[in-house]
């Protein structure tokens, strides 16, 4: 445990959060503060929960935080789908970000499995 910054899943989640912050600077999100805030919080919370879980001190606690992060990935995916459906993001952007979410979810599943042994 510890050294969460070395975890590939944390690095990927951090990069995704940065992409979401940059994406939400567009004209649509700027005008929709509530939605912008929700999507940013979900993205940042994924990486934050991974970090907190890795630093928690026990595998049991780590797994709890990693599962929360997986739930946040699903929340972010939902936000991205809605953003696409209301015209805030294009199809290509949505698909790329959804793929990143799927990758993070898969990495978290593997991390959780490794901590249950």
PDB file of N, CA and C in Angstrom:
ATOM      1  N   UNK A   1       0.828  -1.188   0.000  1.00  0.00           N
ATOM      2  CA  UNK A   1       0.000   0.000   0.000  1.00  0.00           C
ATOM      3  C   UNK A   1       0.872   1.251   0.000  1.00  0.00           C
ATOM      4  N   UNK A   2       0.287   2.358  -0.256  1.00  0.00           N
ATOM      5  CA  UNK A   2       1.028   3.607  -0.347  1.00  0.00           C
ATOM      6  C   UNK A   2       1.503   3.838  -1.761  1.00  0.00           C
ATOM      7  N   UNK A   3       2.159   4.937  -1.942  1.00  0.00           N
ATOM      8  CA  UNK A   3       2.686   5.281  -3.263  1.00  0.00           C
ATOM      9  C   UNK A   3       1.612   5.223  -4.340  1.00  0.00           C
ATOM     10  N   UNK A   4       0.441   5.767  -4.011  1.00  0.00           N
ATOM     11  CA  UNK A   4      -0.683   5.706  -4.944  1.00  0.00           C
ATOM     12  C   UNK A   4      -0.351   6.333  -6.291  1.00  0.00           C
ATOM     13  N   UNK A   5       0.576   7.294  -6.308  1.00  0.00           N
ATOM     14  CA  UNK A   5       0.904   7.954  -7.566  1.00  0.00           C
ATOM     15  C   UNK A   5       1.592   7.021  -8.554  1.00  0.00           C
ATOM     16  N   UNK A   6       2.074   5.897  -8.065  1.00  0.00           N
ATOM     17  CA  UNK A   6       2.696   4.909  -8.938  1.00  0.00           C
ATOM     18  C   UNK A   6       1.679   3.950  -9.554  1.00  0.00           C
ATOM     19  N   UNK A   7       0.453   3.956  -9.037  1.00  0.00           N
ATOM     20  CA  UNK A   7      -0.579   3.068  -9.575  1.00  0.00           C
ATOM     21  C   UNK A   7      -1.016   3.559 -10.956  1.00  0.00           C
ATOM     22  N   UNK A   8      -0.983   2.674 -11.933  1.00  0.00           N
ATOM     23  CA  UNK A   8      -1.426   3.040 -13.285  1.00  0.00           C
ATOM     24  C   UNK A   8      -2.876   3.494 -13.301  1.00  0.00           C
ATOM     25  N   UNK A   9      -3.697   2.850 -12.471  1.00  0.00           N
ATOM     26  CA  UNK A   9      -5.108   3.221 -12.441  1.00  0.00           C
ATOM     27  C   UNK A   9      -5.282   4.639 -11.910  1.00  0.00           C
ATOM     28  N   UNK A  10      -4.491   5.031 -10.928  1.00  0.00           N
ATOM     29  CA  UNK A  10      -4.566   6.405 -10.417  1.00  0.00           C
ATOM     30  C   UNK A  10      -4.098   7.384 -11.492  1.00  0.00           C
ATOM     31  N   UNK A  11      -3.009   7.060 -12.179  1.00  0.00           N
ATOM     32  CA  UNK A  11      -2.489   7.933 -13.234  1.00  0.00           C
ATOM     33  C   UNK A  11      -3.516   8.116 -14.348  1.00  0.00           C
ATOM     34  N   UNK A  12      -4.170   7.031 -14.729  1.00  0.00           N
ATOM     35  CA  UNK A  12      -5.179   7.082 -15.782  1.00  0.00           C
ATOM     36  C   UNK A  12      -6.381   7.904 -15.325  1.00  0.00           C
ATOM     37  N   UNK A  13      -6.802   7.708 -14.085  1.00  0.00           N
ATOM     38  CA  UNK A  13      -7.935   8.467 -13.540  1.00  0.00           C
ATOM     39  C   UNK A  13      -7.600   9.952 -13.418  1.00  0.00           C
ATOM     40  N   UNK A  14      -6.388  10.260 -13.015  1.00  0.00           N
ATOM     41  CA  UNK A  14      -5.956  11.655 -12.935  1.00  0.00           C
ATOM     42  C   UNK A  14      -5.981  12.302 -14.316  1.00  0.00           C
ATOM     43  N   UNK A  15      -5.453  11.603 -15.299  1.00  0.00           N
ATOM     44  CA  UNK A  15      -5.453  12.122 -16.672  1.00  0.00           C
ATOM     45  C   UNK A  15      -6.881  12.345 -17.182  1.00  0.00           C
ATOM     46  N   UNK A  16      -7.769  11.425 -16.835  1.00  0.00           N
ATOM     47  CA  UNK A  16      -9.163  11.577 -17.237  1.00  0.00           C
ATOM     48  C   UNK A  16      -9.781  12.810 -16.584  1.00  0.00           C
ATOM     49  N   UNK A  17      -9.496  13.026 -15.318  1.00  0.00           N
ATOM     50  CA  UNK A  17     -10.032  14.208 -14.620  1.00  0.00           C
ATOM     51  C   UNK A  17      -9.550  15.495 -15.283  1.00  0.00           C
ATOM     52  N   UNK A  18      -8.292  15.523 -15.679  1.00  0.00           N
ATOM     53  CA  UNK A  18      -7.757  16.706 -16.367  1.00  0.00           C
ATOM     54  C   UNK A  18      -8.486  16.909 -17.696  1.00  0.00           C
ATOM     55  N   UNK A  19      -8.716  15.822 -18.426  1.00  0.00           N
ATOM     56  CA  UNK A  19      -9.445  15.924 -19.705  1.00  0.00           C
ATOM     57  C   UNK A  19     -10.864  16.437 -19.493  1.00  0.00           C
ATOM     58  N   UNK A  20     -11.503  15.965 -18.437  1.00  0.00           N
ATOM     59  CA  UNK A  20     -12.875  16.419 -18.135  1.00  0.00           C
ATOM     60  C   UNK A  20     -12.870  17.904 -17.795  1.00  0.00           C
ATOM     61  N   UNK A  21     -11.906  18.350 -17.002  1.00  0.00           N
ATOM     62  CA  UNK A  21     -11.839  19.775 -16.677  1.00  0.00           C
ATOM     63  C   UNK A  21     -11.654  20.624 -17.926  1.00  0.00           C
ATOM     64  N   UNK A  22     -10.788  20.175 -18.831  1.00  0.00           N
ATOM     65  CA  UNK A  22     -10.581  20.917 -20.075  1.00  0.00           C
ATOM     66  C   UNK A  22     -11.839  20.897 -20.942  1.00  0.00           C
ATOM     67  N   UNK A  23     -12.490  19.744 -21.005  1.00  0.00           N
ATOM     68  CA  UNK A  23     -13.710  19.613 -21.792  1.00  0.00           C
ATOM     69  C   UNK A  23     -14.805  20.552 -21.281  1.00  0.00           C
ATOM     70  N   UNK A  24     -14.909  20.674 -19.990  1.00  0.00           N
ATOM     71  CA  UNK A  24     -15.999  21.464 -19.406  1.00  0.00           C
ATOM     72  C   UNK A  24     -15.746  22.964 -19.457  1.00  0.00           C
ATOM     73  N   UNK A  25     -14.713  23.368 -20.144  1.00  0.00           N
ATOM     74  CA  UNK A  25     -14.478  24.794 -20.375  1.00  0.00           C
ATOM     75  C   UNK A  25     -15.186  25.271 -21.631  1.00  0.00           C
ATOM     76  N   UNK A  26     -15.860  24.340 -22.350  1.00  0.00           N
ATOM     77  CA  UNK A  26     -16.538  24.750 -23.585  1.00  0.00           C
ATOM     78  C   UNK A  26     -17.799  25.553 -23.273  1.00  0.00           C
ATOM     79  N   UNK A  27     -18.339  26.160 -24.291  1.00  0.00           N
ATOM     80  CA  UNK A  27     -19.457  27.099 -24.147  1.00  0.00           C
ATOM     81  C   UNK A  27     -20.690  26.489 -23.489  1.00  0.00           C
ATOM     82  N   UNK A  28     -20.926  25.206 -23.687  1.00  0.00           N
ATOM     83  CA  UNK A  28     -22.132  24.586 -23.142  1.00  0.00           C
ATOM     84  C   UNK A  28     -22.024  24.384 -21.637  1.00  0.00           C
ATOM     85  N   UNK A  29     -20.920  23.807 -21.207  1.00  0.00           N
ATOM     86  CA  UNK A  29     -20.744  23.543 -19.782  1.00  0.00           C
ATOM     87  C   UNK A  29     -20.619  24.829 -18.974  1.00  0.00           C
ATOM     88  N   UNK A  30     -19.967  25.833 -19.533  1.00  0.00           N
ATOM     89  CA  UNK A  30     -19.778  27.098 -18.820  1.00  0.00           C
ATOM     90  C   UNK A  30     -21.125  27.698 -18.437  1.00  0.00           C
ATOM     91  N   UNK A  31     -22.124  27.526 -19.303  1.00  0.00           N
ATOM     92  CA  UNK A  31     -23.453  28.078 -19.048  1.00  0.00           C
ATOM     93  C   UNK A  31     -24.295  27.190 -18.121  1.00  0.00           C
ATOM     94  N   UNK A  32     -23.867  25.959 -17.925  1.00  0.00           N
ATOM     95  CA  UNK A  32     -24.629  24.998 -17.119  1.00  0.00           C
ATOM     96  C   UNK A  32     -23.798  24.608 -15.898  1.00  0.00           C
ATOM     97  N   UNK A  33     -23.726  25.537 -14.943  1.00  0.00           N
ATOM     98  CA  UNK A  33     -22.830  25.365 -13.799  1.00  0.00           C
ATOM     99  C   UNK A  33     -23.111  24.092 -13.007  1.00  0.00           C
ATOM    100  N   UNK A  34     -24.375  23.765 -12.793  1.00  0.00           N
ATOM    101  CA  UNK A  34     -24.712  22.582 -11.997  1.00  0.00           C
ATOM    102  C   UNK A  34     -24.183  21.301 -12.627  1.00  0.00           C
ATOM    103  N   UNK A  35     -24.396  21.145 -13.921  1.00  0.00           N
ATOM    104  CA  UNK A  35     -23.936  19.948 -14.615  1.00  0.00           C
ATOM    105  C   UNK A  35     -22.408  19.928 -14.679  1.00  0.00           C
ATOM    106  N   UNK A  36     -21.828  21.086 -14.947  1.00  0.00           N
ATOM    107  CA  UNK A  36     -20.371  21.200 -14.995  1.00  0.00           C
ATOM    108  C   UNK A  36     -19.764  20.774 -13.662  1.00  0.00           C
ATOM    109  N   UNK A  37     -20.337  21.240 -12.576  1.00  0.00           N
ATOM    110  CA  UNK A  37     -19.844  20.909 -11.240  1.00  0.00           C
ATOM    111  C   UNK A  37     -19.958  19.410 -10.978  1.00  0.00           C
ATOM    112  N   UNK A  38     -21.076  18.803 -11.346  1.00  0.00           N
ATOM    113  CA  UNK A  38     -21.276  17.374 -11.109  1.00  0.00           C
ATOM    114  C   UNK A  38     -20.280  16.513 -11.878  1.00  0.00           C
ATOM    115  N   UNK A  39     -20.078  16.823 -13.136  1.00  0.00           N
ATOM    116  CA  UNK A  39     -19.187  15.995 -13.953  1.00  0.00           C
ATOM    117  C   UNK A  39     -17.730  16.166 -13.497  1.00  0.00           C
ATOM    118  N   UNK A  40     -17.359  17.384 -13.109  1.00  0.00           N
ATOM    119  CA  UNK A  40     -16.008  17.604 -12.601  1.00  0.00           C
ATOM    120  C   UNK A  40     -15.791  16.882 -11.279  1.00  0.00           C
ATOM    121  N   UNK A  41     -16.761  16.975 -10.384  1.00  0.00           N
ATOM    122  CA  UNK A  41     -16.635  16.305  -9.078  1.00  0.00           C
ATOM    123  C   UNK A  41     -16.513  14.800  -9.230  1.00  0.00           C
ATOM    124  N   UNK A  42     -17.319  14.222 -10.104  1.00  0.00           N
ATOM    125  CA  UNK A  42     -17.247  12.775 -10.318  1.00  0.00           C
ATOM    126  C   UNK A  42     -15.863  12.379 -10.825  1.00  0.00           C
ATOM    127  N   UNK A  43     -15.351  13.124 -11.795  1.00  0.00           N
ATOM    128  CA  UNK A  43     -14.045  12.792 -12.378  1.00  0.00           C
ATOM    129  C   UNK A  43     -12.922  12.904 -11.351  1.00  0.00           C
ATOM    130  N   UNK A  44     -12.918  13.978 -10.583  1.00  0.00           N
ATOM    131  CA  UNK A  44     -11.871  14.171  -9.582  1.00  0.00           C
ATOM    132  C   UNK A  44     -11.988  13.135  -8.470  1.00  0.00           C
ATOM    133  N   UNK A  45     -13.208  12.794  -8.119  1.00  0.00           N
ATOM    134  CA  UNK A  45     -13.421  11.846  -7.021  1.00  0.00           C
ATOM    135  C   UNK A  45     -12.938  10.440  -7.343  1.00  0.00           C
ATOM    136  N   UNK A  46     -12.902  10.078  -8.611  1.00  0.00           N
ATOM    137  CA  UNK A  46     -12.379   8.758  -8.975  1.00  0.00           C
ATOM    138  C   UNK A  46     -10.926   8.649  -8.532  1.00  0.00           C
ATOM    139  N   UNK A  47     -10.106   9.572  -8.992  1.00  0.00           N
ATOM    140  CA  UNK A  47      -8.683   9.543  -8.621  1.00  0.00           C
ATOM    141  C   UNK A  47      -8.500   9.731  -7.117  1.00  0.00           C
ATOM    142  N   UNK A  48      -9.301  10.582  -6.511  1.00  0.00           N
ATOM    143  CA  UNK A  48      -9.181  10.843  -5.078  1.00  0.00           C
ATOM    144  C   UNK A  48      -9.485   9.600  -4.250  1.00  0.00           C
ATOM    145  N   UNK A  49     -10.509   8.849  -4.629  1.00  0.00           N
ATOM    146  CA  UNK A  49     -10.846   7.634  -3.894  1.00  0.00           C
ATOM    147  C   UNK A  49      -9.801   6.541  -4.087  1.00  0.00           C
ATOM    148  N   UNK A  50      -9.201   6.488  -5.254  1.00  0.00           N
ATOM    149  CA  UNK A  50      -8.111   5.530  -5.471  1.00  0.00           C
ATOM    150  C   UNK A  50      -6.947   5.878  -4.552  1.00  0.00           C
ATOM    151  N   UNK A  51      -6.595   7.147  -4.488  1.00  0.00           N
ATOM    152  CA  UNK A  51      -5.499   7.583  -3.618  1.00  0.00           C
ATOM    153  C   UNK A  51      -5.823   7.299  -2.158  1.00  0.00           C
ATOM    154  N   UNK A  52      -7.004   7.681  -1.740  1.00  0.00           N
ATOM    155  CA  UNK A  52      -7.396   7.474  -0.346  1.00  0.00           C
ATOM    156  C   UNK A  52      -7.419   5.991  -0.001  1.00  0.00           C
ATOM    157  N   UNK A  53      -7.915   5.188  -0.916  1.00  0.00           N
ATOM    158  CA  UNK A  53      -7.937   3.748  -0.678  1.00  0.00           C
ATOM    159  C   UNK A  53      -6.556   3.156  -0.560  1.00  0.00           C
ATOM    160  N   UNK A  54      -5.665   3.572  -1.424  1.00  0.00           N
ATOM    161  CA  UNK A  54      -4.306   3.019  -1.387  1.00  0.00           C
ATOM    162  C   UNK A  54      -3.576   3.431  -0.118  1.00  0.00           C
ATOM    163  N   UNK A  55      -3.916   4.575   0.430  1.00  0.00           N
ATOM    164  CA  UNK A  55      -3.263   5.074   1.638  1.00  0.00           C
ATOM    165  C   UNK A  55      -4.004   4.702   2.920  1.00  0.00           C
ATOM    166  N   UNK A  56      -5.087   3.958   2.820  1.00  0.00           N
ATOM    167  CA  UNK A  56      -5.955   3.717   3.971  1.00  0.00           C
ATOM    168  C   UNK A  56      -5.354   2.810   5.045  1.00  0.00           C
ATOM    169  N   UNK A  57      -4.398   2.002   4.689  1.00  0.00           N
ATOM    170  CA  UNK A  57      -3.721   1.198   5.702  1.00  0.00           C
ATOM    171  C   UNK A  57      -4.131  -0.255   5.773  1.00  0.00           C
ATOM    172  N   UNK A  58      -5.211  -0.638   5.123  1.00  0.00           N
ATOM    173  CA  UNK A  58      -5.595  -2.054   5.118  1.00  0.00           C
ATOM    174  C   UNK A  58      -6.257  -2.392   3.792  1.00  0.00           C
ATOM    175  N   UNK A  59      -6.145  -3.647   3.430  1.00  0.00           N
ATOM    176  CA  UNK A  59      -6.771  -4.082   2.180  1.00  0.00           C
ATOM    177  C   UNK A  59      -8.284  -3.918   2.240  1.00  0.00           C
ATOM    178  N   UNK A  60      -8.881  -4.208   3.390  1.00  0.00           N
ATOM    179  CA  UNK A  60     -10.335  -4.093   3.530  1.00  0.00           C
ATOM    180  C   UNK A  60     -10.804  -2.667   3.262  1.00  0.00           C
ATOM    181  N   UNK A  61     -10.110  -1.708   3.848  1.00  0.00           N
ATOM    182  CA  UNK A  61     -10.465  -0.310   3.621  1.00  0.00           C
ATOM    183  C   UNK A  61     -10.159   0.115   2.180  1.00  0.00           C
ATOM    184  N   UNK A  62      -9.052  -0.363   1.656  1.00  0.00           N
ATOM    185  CA  UNK A  62      -8.693  -0.034   0.272  1.00  0.00           C
ATOM    186  C   UNK A  62      -9.788  -0.473  -0.682  1.00  0.00           C
ATOM    187  N   UNK A  63     -10.249  -1.699  -0.504  1.00  0.00           N
ATOM    188  CA  UNK A  63     -11.280  -2.252  -1.391  1.00  0.00           C
ATOM    189  C   UNK A  63     -12.544  -1.409  -1.326  1.00  0.00           C
ATOM    190  N   UNK A  64     -12.883  -0.943  -0.145  1.00  0.00           N
ATOM    191  CA  UNK A  64     -14.079  -0.087   0.000  1.00  0.00           C
ATOM    192  C   UNK A  64     -13.949   1.170  -0.870  1.00  0.00           C
ATOM    193  N   UNK A  65     -12.804   1.827  -0.783  1.00  0.00           N
ATOM    194  CA  UNK A  65     -12.587   3.041  -1.577  1.00  0.00           C
ATOM    195  C   UNK A  65     -12.510   2.736  -3.073  1.00  0.00           C
ATOM    196  N   UNK A  66     -11.900   1.616  -3.432  1.00  0.00           N
ATOM    197  CA  UNK A  66     -11.814   1.253  -4.843  1.00  0.00           C
ATOM    198  C   UNK A  66     -13.208   0.969  -5.415  1.00  0.00           C
ATOM    199  N   UNK A  67     -14.078   0.365  -4.595  1.00  0.00           N
ATOM    200  CA  UNK A  67     -15.457   0.142  -5.046  1.00  0.00           C
ATOM    201  C   UNK A  67     -16.208   1.458  -5.195  1.00  0.00           C
ATOM    202  N   UNK A  68     -15.961   2.396  -4.309  1.00  0.00           N
ATOM    203  CA  UNK A  68     -16.564   3.727  -4.451  1.00  0.00           C
ATOM    204  C   UNK A  68     -16.087   4.355  -5.760  1.00  0.00           C
ATOM    205  N   UNK A  69     -14.801   4.225  -6.051  1.00  0.00           N
ATOM    206  CA  UNK A  69     -14.254   4.771  -7.298  1.00  0.00           C
ATOM    207  C   UNK A  69     -14.939   4.131  -8.506  1.00  0.00           C
ATOM    208  N   UNK A  70     -15.201   2.826  -8.448  1.00  0.00           N
ATOM    209  CA  UNK A  70     -15.903   2.162  -9.558  1.00  0.00           C
ATOM    210  C   UNK A  70     -17.304   2.738  -9.736  1.00  0.00           C
ATOM    211  N   UNK A  71     -17.975   3.020  -8.640  1.00  0.00           N
ATOM    212  CA  UNK A  71     -19.293   3.642  -8.723  1.00  0.00           C
ATOM    213  C   UNK A  71     -19.226   5.025  -9.340  1.00  0.00           C
ATOM    214  N   UNK A  72     -18.185   5.757  -9.000  1.00  0.00           N
ATOM    215  CA  UNK A  72     -17.995   7.093  -9.570  1.00  0.00           C
ATOM    216  C   UNK A  72     -17.699   7.031 -11.063  1.00  0.00           C
ATOM    217  N   UNK A  73     -17.020   5.976 -11.488  1.00  0.00           N
ATOM    218  CA  UNK A  73     -16.787   5.784 -12.927  1.00  0.00           C
ATOM    219  C   UNK A  73     -18.133   5.643 -13.637  1.00  0.00           C
ATOM    220  N   UNK A  74     -19.030   4.851 -13.054  1.00  0.00           N
ATOM    221  CA  UNK A  74     -20.360   4.689 -13.648  1.00  0.00           C
ATOM    222  C   UNK A  74     -21.114   6.019 -13.663  1.00  0.00           C
ATOM    223  N   UNK A  75     -20.972   6.796 -12.600  1.00  0.00           N
ATOM    224  CA  UNK A  75     -21.607   8.115 -12.557  1.00  0.00           C
ATOM    225  C   UNK A  75     -21.066   9.011 -13.669  1.00  0.00           C
ATOM    226  N   UNK A  76     -19.748   9.017 -13.833  1.00  0.00           N
ATOM    227  CA  UNK A  76     -19.141   9.839 -14.877  1.00  0.00           C
ATOM    228  C   UNK A  76     -19.595   9.397 -16.264  1.00  0.00           C
ATOM    229  N   UNK A  77     -19.683   8.093 -16.478  1.00  0.00           N
ATOM    230  CA  UNK A  77     -20.155   7.587 -17.764  1.00  0.00           C
ATOM    231  C   UNK A  77     -21.580   8.084 -18.039  1.00  0.00           C
ATOM    232  N   UNK A  78     -22.402   8.071 -17.013  1.00  0.00           N
ATOM    233  CA  UNK A  78     -23.777   8.559 -17.152  1.00  0.00           C
ATOM    234  C   UNK A  78     -23.783  10.029 -17.538  1.00  0.00           C
ATOM    235  N   UNK A  79     -22.956  10.826 -16.879  1.00  0.00           N
ATOM    236  CA  UNK A  79     -22.857  12.246 -17.212  1.00  0.00           C
ATOM    237  C   UNK A  79     -22.419  12.440 -18.672  1.00  0.00           C
ATOM    238  N   UNK A  80     -21.465  11.638 -19.106  1.00  0.00           N
ATOM    239  CA  UNK A  80     -20.969  11.760 -20.471  1.00  0.00           C
ATOM    240  C   UNK A  80     -22.036  11.396 -21.500  1.00  0.00           C
ATOM    241  N   UNK A  81     -22.809  10.367 -21.210  1.00  0.00           N
ATOM    242  CA  UNK A  81     -23.892   9.968 -22.113  1.00  0.00           C
ATOM    243  C   UNK A  81     -24.921  11.089 -22.204  1.00  0.00           C
ATOM    244  N   UNK A  82     -25.281  11.647 -21.066  1.00  0.00           N
ATOM    245  CA  UNK A  82     -26.244  12.757 -21.061  1.00  0.00           C
ATOM    246  C   UNK A  82     -25.665  13.968 -21.789  1.00  0.00           C
ATOM    247  N   UNK A  83     -24.388  14.273 -21.537  1.00  0.00           N
ATOM    248  CA  UNK A  83     -23.746  15.405 -22.213  1.00  0.00           C
ATOM    249  C   UNK A  83     -23.802  15.232 -23.727  1.00  0.00           C
ATOM    250  N   UNK A  84     -23.611  14.020 -24.193  1.00  0.00           N
ATOM    251  CA  UNK A  84     -23.711  13.757 -25.626  1.00  0.00           C
ATOM    252  C   UNK A  84     -25.155  13.944 -26.116  1.00  0.00           C
ATOM    253  N   UNK A  85     -26.099  13.388 -25.371  1.00  0.00           N
ATOM    254  CA  UNK A  85     -27.498  13.431 -25.797  1.00  0.00           C
ATOM    255  C   UNK A  85     -28.073  14.849 -25.816  1.00  0.00           C
ATOM    256  N   UNK A  86     -27.529  15.741 -25.010  1.00  0.00           N
ATOM    257  CA  UNK A  86     -28.023  17.121 -25.026  1.00  0.00           C
ATOM    258  C   UNK A  86     -27.137  18.042 -25.861  1.00  0.00           C
ATOM    259  N   UNK A  87     -26.149  17.460 -26.531  1.00  0.00           N
ATOM    260  CA  UNK A  87     -25.349  18.218 -27.484  1.00  0.00           C
ATOM    261  C   UNK A  87     -24.154  18.950 -26.911  1.00  0.00           C
ATOM    262  N   UNK A  88     -23.744  18.609 -25.693  1.00  0.00           N
ATOM    263  CA  UNK A  88     -22.587  19.273 -25.078  1.00  0.00           C
ATOM    264  C   UNK A  88     -21.263  18.707 -25.585  1.00  0.00           C
ATOM    265  N   UNK A  89     -21.255  17.427 -25.973  1.00  0.00           N
ATOM    266  CA  UNK A  89     -20.044  16.795 -26.509  1.00  0.00           C
ATOM    267  C   UNK A  89     -20.412  16.014 -27.771  1.00  0.00           C
ATOM    268  N   UNK A  90     -19.444  15.862 -28.657  1.00  0.00           N
ATOM    269  CA  UNK A  90     -19.698  15.096 -29.872  1.00  0.00           C
ATOM    270  C   UNK A  90     -19.510  13.597 -29.611  1.00  0.00           C
ATOM    271  N   UNK A  91     -19.939  12.803 -30.567  1.00  0.00           N
ATOM    272  CA  UNK A  91     -19.923  11.343 -30.420  1.00  0.00           C
ATOM    273  C   UNK A  91     -18.513  10.810 -30.208  1.00  0.00           C
ATOM    274  N   UNK A  92     -17.572  11.307 -30.967  1.00  0.00           N
ATOM    275  CA  UNK A  92     -16.194  10.837 -30.867  1.00  0.00           C
ATOM    276  C   UNK A  92     -15.616  11.096 -29.473  1.00  0.00           C
ATOM    277  N   UNK A  93     -15.833  12.286 -28.959  1.00  0.00           N
ATOM    278  CA  UNK A  93     -15.346  12.635 -27.627  1.00  0.00           C
ATOM    279  C   UNK A  93     -15.987  11.750 -26.579  1.00  0.00           C
ATOM    280  N   UNK A  94     -17.308  11.590 -26.677  1.00  0.00           N
ATOM    281  CA  UNK A  94     -18.019  10.731 -25.721  1.00  0.00           C
ATOM    282  C   UNK A  94     -17.453   9.319 -25.746  1.00  0.00           C
ATOM    283  N   UNK A  95     -17.265   8.767 -26.931  1.00  0.00           N
ATOM    284  CA  UNK A  95     -16.776   7.390 -27.045  1.00  0.00           C
ATOM    285  C   UNK A  95     -15.365   7.242 -26.491  1.00  0.00           C
ATOM    286  N   UNK A  96     -14.501   8.221 -26.758  1.00  0.00           N
ATOM    287  CA  UNK A  96     -13.136   8.167 -26.221  1.00  0.00           C
ATOM    288  C   UNK A  96     -13.147   8.197 -24.695  1.00  0.00           C
ATOM    289  N   UNK A  97     -13.969   9.068 -24.132  1.00  0.00           N
ATOM    290  CA  UNK A  97     -14.017   9.192 -22.675  1.00  0.00           C
ATOM    291  C   UNK A  97     -14.686   7.984 -22.028  1.00  0.00           C
ATOM    292  N   UNK A  98     -15.696   7.446 -22.670  1.00  0.00           N
ATOM    293  CA  UNK A  98     -16.339   6.220 -22.164  1.00  0.00           C
ATOM    294  C   UNK A  98     -15.333   5.068 -22.184  1.00  0.00           C
ATOM    295  N   UNK A  99     -14.525   4.978 -23.238  1.00  0.00           N
ATOM    296  CA  UNK A  99     -13.484   3.948 -23.306  1.00  0.00           C
ATOM    297  C   UNK A  99     -12.498   4.097 -22.153  1.00  0.00           C
ATOM    298  N   UNK A 100     -12.128   5.332 -21.829  1.00  0.00           N
ATOM    299  CA  UNK A 100     -11.228   5.572 -20.692  1.00  0.00           C
ATOM    300  C   UNK A 100     -11.891   5.124 -19.386  1.00  0.00           C
ATOM    301  N   UNK A 101     -13.168   5.410 -19.261  1.00  0.00           N
ATOM    302  CA  UNK A 101     -13.905   4.982 -18.068  1.00  0.00           C
ATOM    303  C   UNK A 101     -13.920   3.457 -17.962  1.00  0.00           C
ATOM    304  N   UNK A 102     -14.192   2.782 -19.080  1.00  0.00           N
ATOM    305  CA  UNK A 102     -14.186   1.318 -19.087  1.00  0.00           C
ATOM    306  C   UNK A 102     -12.821   0.774 -18.670  1.00  0.00           C
ATOM    307  N   UNK A 103     -11.772   1.399 -19.167  1.00  0.00           N
ATOM    308  CA  UNK A 103     -10.411   0.982 -18.838  1.00  0.00           C
ATOM    309  C   UNK A 103     -10.158   1.132 -17.337  1.00  0.00           C
ATOM    310  N   UNK A 104     -10.554   2.254 -16.779  1.00  0.00           N
ATOM    311  CA  UNK A 104     -10.357   2.492 -15.351  1.00  0.00           C
ATOM    312  C   UNK A 104     -11.163   1.493 -14.532  1.00  0.00           C
ATOM    313  N   UNK A 105     -12.401   1.243 -14.927  1.00  0.00           N
ATOM    314  CA  UNK A 105     -13.236   0.283 -14.209  1.00  0.00           C
ATOM    315  C   UNK A 105     -12.611  -1.107 -14.213  1.00  0.00           C
ATOM    316  N   UNK A 106     -12.096  -1.509 -15.358  1.00  0.00           N
ATOM    317  CA  UNK A 106     -11.432  -2.805 -15.462  1.00  0.00           C
ATOM    318  C   UNK A 106     -10.180  -2.871 -14.586  1.00  0.00           C
ATOM    319  N   UNK A 107      -9.420  -1.800 -14.598  1.00  0.00           N
ATOM    320  CA  UNK A 107      -8.207  -1.750 -13.773  1.00  0.00           C
ATOM    321  C   UNK A 107      -8.569  -1.811 -12.288  1.00  0.00           C
ATOM    322  N   UNK A 108      -9.641  -1.137 -11.905  1.00  0.00           N
ATOM    323  CA  UNK A 108     -10.081  -1.169 -10.507  1.00  0.00           C
ATOM    324  C   UNK A 108     -10.545  -2.571 -10.116  1.00  0.00           C
ATOM    325  N   UNK A 109     -11.248  -3.244 -11.008  1.00  0.00           N
ATOM    326  CA  UNK A 109     -11.693  -4.603 -10.738  1.00  0.00           C
ATOM    327  C   UNK A 109     -10.495  -5.508 -10.471  1.00  0.00           C
ATOM    328  N   UNK A 110      -9.475  -5.393 -11.283  1.00  0.00           N
ATOM    329  CA  UNK A 110      -8.269  -6.192 -11.095  1.00  0.00           C
ATOM    330  C   UNK A 110      -7.553  -5.824  -9.793  1.00  0.00           C
ATOM    331  N   UNK A 111      -7.518  -4.547  -9.470  1.00  0.00           N
ATOM    332  CA  UNK A 111      -6.886  -4.102  -8.237  1.00  0.00           C
ATOM    333  C   UNK A 111      -7.642  -4.636  -7.022  1.00  0.00           C
ATOM    334  N   UNK A 112      -8.954  -4.576  -7.074  1.00  0.00           N
ATOM    335  CA  UNK A 112      -9.786  -5.100  -5.981  1.00  0.00           C
ATOM    336  C   UNK A 112      -9.529  -6.599  -5.813  1.00  0.00           C
ATOM    337  N   UNK A 113      -9.510  -7.322  -6.916  1.00  0.00           N
ATOM    338  CA  UNK A 113      -9.253  -8.759  -6.868  1.00  0.00           C
ATOM    339  C   UNK A 113      -7.888  -9.045  -6.239  1.00  0.00           C
ATOM    340  N   UNK A 114      -6.885  -8.267  -6.622  1.00  0.00           N
ATOM    341  CA  UNK A 114      -5.536  -8.504  -6.083  1.00  0.00           C
ATOM    342  C   UNK A 114      -5.461  -8.223  -4.580  1.00  0.00           C
ATOM    343  N   UNK A 115      -6.296  -7.321  -4.092  1.00  0.00           N
ATOM    344  CA  UNK A 115      -6.285  -6.992  -2.656  1.00  0.00           C
ATOM    345  C   UNK A 115      -7.151  -7.931  -1.834  1.00  0.00           C
ATOM    346  N   UNK A 116      -7.946  -8.802  -2.480  1.00  0.00           N
ATOM    347  CA  UNK A 116      -8.772  -9.742  -1.741  1.00  0.00           C
ATOM    348  C   UNK A 116      -8.067 -11.059  -1.495  1.00  0.00           C
ATOM    349  N   UNK A 117      -6.924 -11.246  -2.083  1.00  0.00           N
ATOM    350  CA  UNK A 117      -6.166 -12.506  -1.907  1.00  0.00           C
ATOM    351  C   UNK A 117      -5.516 -12.555  -0.554  1.00  0.00           C
TER     352      UNK A 117
END
